[in-house]
Amino acid sequence: MAGEHDGGRAGPPLPPPGGHYSHATTGQGLVFVSGQLPIRPDGTRLVDAGFEEQARQALANLAAALHQAGSGVERLLQVRIYLDDIAHWPAFDRIYAQWAGAHRPARAVVPTGALHFGLKVEVEAVALA
């Protein structure tokens, strides 16, 4: 049965969800992580930050959501990246490679144009629980 993970694990904090959703849900041995934006745990939206800082924060939020759901970066199966401008792709790929290390889950990059709040990147994922 799928449901929101109750976050009973200590770990990096996340900002509160910005709408009617959970950061991560689990079901059938999988963790589904909602799109993570570059928003600090205190709720600060990194609208005025450069792309690289935004990318690092979005990935930090993804890692925190995985950890709170009892998973981790090394258990990722699939990652989707939404970019407001495909010109950010080379910088994102470099940051992502450092963040993911040797692990190479399936991945898609979707250029979208404007994202929520004027942010530049959003990341969602599926991982093993």
Protein backbone atom coordinates (compact mmCIF):
# COMPACT_ATOMS: atom_id res chain seq x y z
CA MET A 1 0.00 0.00 0.00
CA ALA A 2 1.36 3.40 -0.97
CA GLY A 3 1.45 6.32 1.40
CA GLU A 4 3.46 9.24 2.63
CA HIS A 5 6.53 8.21 4.52
CA ASP A 6 6.17 9.61 8.00
CA GLY A 7 9.69 11.07 8.06
CA GLY A 8 10.51 9.19 11.24
CA ARG A 9 14.21 9.17 10.37
CA ALA A 10 16.56 11.90 11.45
CA GLY A 11 18.28 13.56 8.58
CA PRO A 12 18.70 16.75 6.66
CA PRO A 13 15.65 18.99 6.94
CA LEU A 14 13.42 19.90 4.03
CA PRO A 15 11.29 22.97 3.43
CA PRO A 16 7.59 22.36 3.99
CA PRO A 17 5.76 21.21 0.84
CA GLY A 18 4.53 24.19 -1.17
CA GLY A 19 1.19 22.60 -1.97
CA HIS A 20 -1.00 19.56 -1.41
CA TYR A 21 1.68 16.88 -1.82
CA SER A 22 4.29 14.88 0.07
CA HIS A 23 8.02 15.19 -0.52
CA ALA A 24 8.13 11.41 -0.94
CA THR A 25 5.74 8.49 -0.93
CA THR A 26 6.55 4.81 -0.78
CA GLY A 27 4.89 1.77 -2.29
CA GLN A 28 5.84 -1.67 -3.61
CA GLY A 29 9.42 -1.22 -2.40
CA LEU A 30 9.87 2.08 -4.23
CA VAL A 31 10.25 5.71 -3.17
CA PHE A 32 8.68 8.36 -5.38
CA VAL A 33 10.14 11.81 -4.72
CA SER A 34 8.14 14.85 -5.75
CA GLY A 35 9.83 17.62 -7.70
CA GLN A 36 12.39 19.31 -5.50
CA LEU A 37 13.04 22.98 -6.11
CA PRO A 38 15.99 25.07 -4.90
CA ILE A 39 14.32 26.08 -1.66
CA ARG A 40 16.26 26.01 1.62
CA PRO A 41 14.85 24.14 4.63
CA ASP A 42 13.83 27.48 6.17
CA GLY A 43 11.63 28.14 3.12
CA THR A 44 13.96 30.62 1.39
CA ARG A 45 13.50 30.38 -2.38
CA LEU A 46 16.84 30.83 -4.13
CA VAL A 47 15.32 32.97 -6.89
CA ASP A 48 18.23 35.43 -6.96
CA ALA A 49 20.93 32.74 -6.67
CA GLY A 50 22.96 31.61 -9.65
CA PHE A 51 22.12 28.39 -11.46
CA GLU A 52 24.83 26.30 -9.79
CA GLU A 53 23.69 27.21 -6.26
CA GLN A 54 20.10 26.46 -7.25
CA ALA A 55 21.11 23.08 -8.71
CA ARG A 56 23.05 22.09 -5.59
CA GLN A 57 20.11 23.01 -3.34
CA ALA A 58 17.58 21.07 -5.44
CA LEU A 59 19.86 18.00 -5.32
CA ALA A 60 20.40 18.44 -1.57
CA ASN A 61 16.61 18.48 -1.14
CA LEU A 62 16.32 15.32 -3.26
CA ALA A 63 18.94 13.58 -1.10
CA ALA A 64 17.15 14.70 2.08
CA ALA A 65 13.79 13.41 0.83
CA LEU A 66 15.38 10.06 -0.08
CA HIS A 67 17.04 9.81 3.34
CA GLN A 68 13.84 10.63 5.19
CA ALA A 69 12.08 7.90 3.22
CA GLY A 70 14.74 5.34 4.18
CA SER A 71 16.55 5.39 0.84
CA GLY A 72 19.54 7.22 -0.60
CA VAL A 73 21.24 8.51 -3.71
CA GLU A 74 22.87 5.11 -4.30
CA ARG A 75 19.37 3.56 -4.56
CA LEU A 76 18.08 5.90 -7.27
CA LEU A 77 16.52 4.20 -10.29
CA GLN A 78 15.35 7.18 -12.35
CA VAL A 79 15.80 10.96 -12.16
CA ARG A 80 13.98 13.69 -14.10
CA ILE A 81 15.47 17.17 -14.31
CA TYR A 82 13.45 20.18 -15.42
CA LEU A 83 15.50 23.19 -16.58
CA ASP A 84 14.16 26.64 -17.39
CA ASP A 85 16.85 26.89 -20.10
CA ILE A 86 18.69 24.01 -21.80
CA ALA A 87 21.81 26.21 -21.78
CA HIS A 88 22.15 25.19 -18.09
CA TRP A 89 22.58 21.54 -19.09
CA PRO A 90 26.44 21.39 -19.10
CA ALA A 91 26.66 22.98 -15.62
CA PHE A 92 23.92 20.72 -14.27
CA ASP A 93 25.52 17.58 -15.69
CA ARG A 94 28.85 18.45 -14.00
CA ILE A 95 27.19 19.17 -10.62
CA TYR A 96 25.01 16.06 -10.89
CA ALA A 97 28.01 13.82 -11.70
CA GLN A 98 29.79 15.07 -8.56
CA TRP A 99 26.64 14.61 -6.48
CA ALA A 100 25.76 11.11 -7.76
CA GLY A 101 29.32 9.81 -7.82
CA ALA A 102 29.72 6.43 -9.51
CA HIS A 103 25.97 5.72 -9.37
CA ARG A 104 24.28 6.23 -12.76
CA PRO A 105 20.48 5.92 -12.62
CA ALA A 106 18.34 6.40 -15.71
CA ARG A 107 17.83 10.10 -16.32
CA ALA A 108 15.84 12.54 -18.44
CA VAL A 109 16.31 16.28 -18.92
CA VAL A 110 13.28 18.35 -19.83
CA PRO A 111 13.71 21.99 -20.90
CA THR A 112 10.56 23.72 -19.70
CA GLY A 113 10.82 27.48 -19.89
CA ALA A 114 9.66 29.24 -16.73
CA LEU A 115 9.45 27.17 -13.53
CA HIS A 116 7.64 27.91 -10.25
CA PHE A 117 8.61 31.16 -8.51
CA GLY A 118 11.11 32.02 -11.27
CA LEU A 119 13.48 29.22 -10.19
CA LYS A 120 15.79 27.58 -12.72
CA VAL A 121 15.74 23.85 -11.87
CA GLU A 122 13.48 21.14 -10.42
CA VAL A 123 14.41 17.49 -9.82
CA GLU A 124 12.17 14.46 -9.20
CA ALA A 125 13.10 10.80 -8.81
CA VAL A 126 12.20 7.18 -8.19
CA ALA A 127 14.40 5.01 -5.96
CA LEU A 128 14.39 1.69 -4.18
CA ALA A 129 13.13 1.93 -0.61
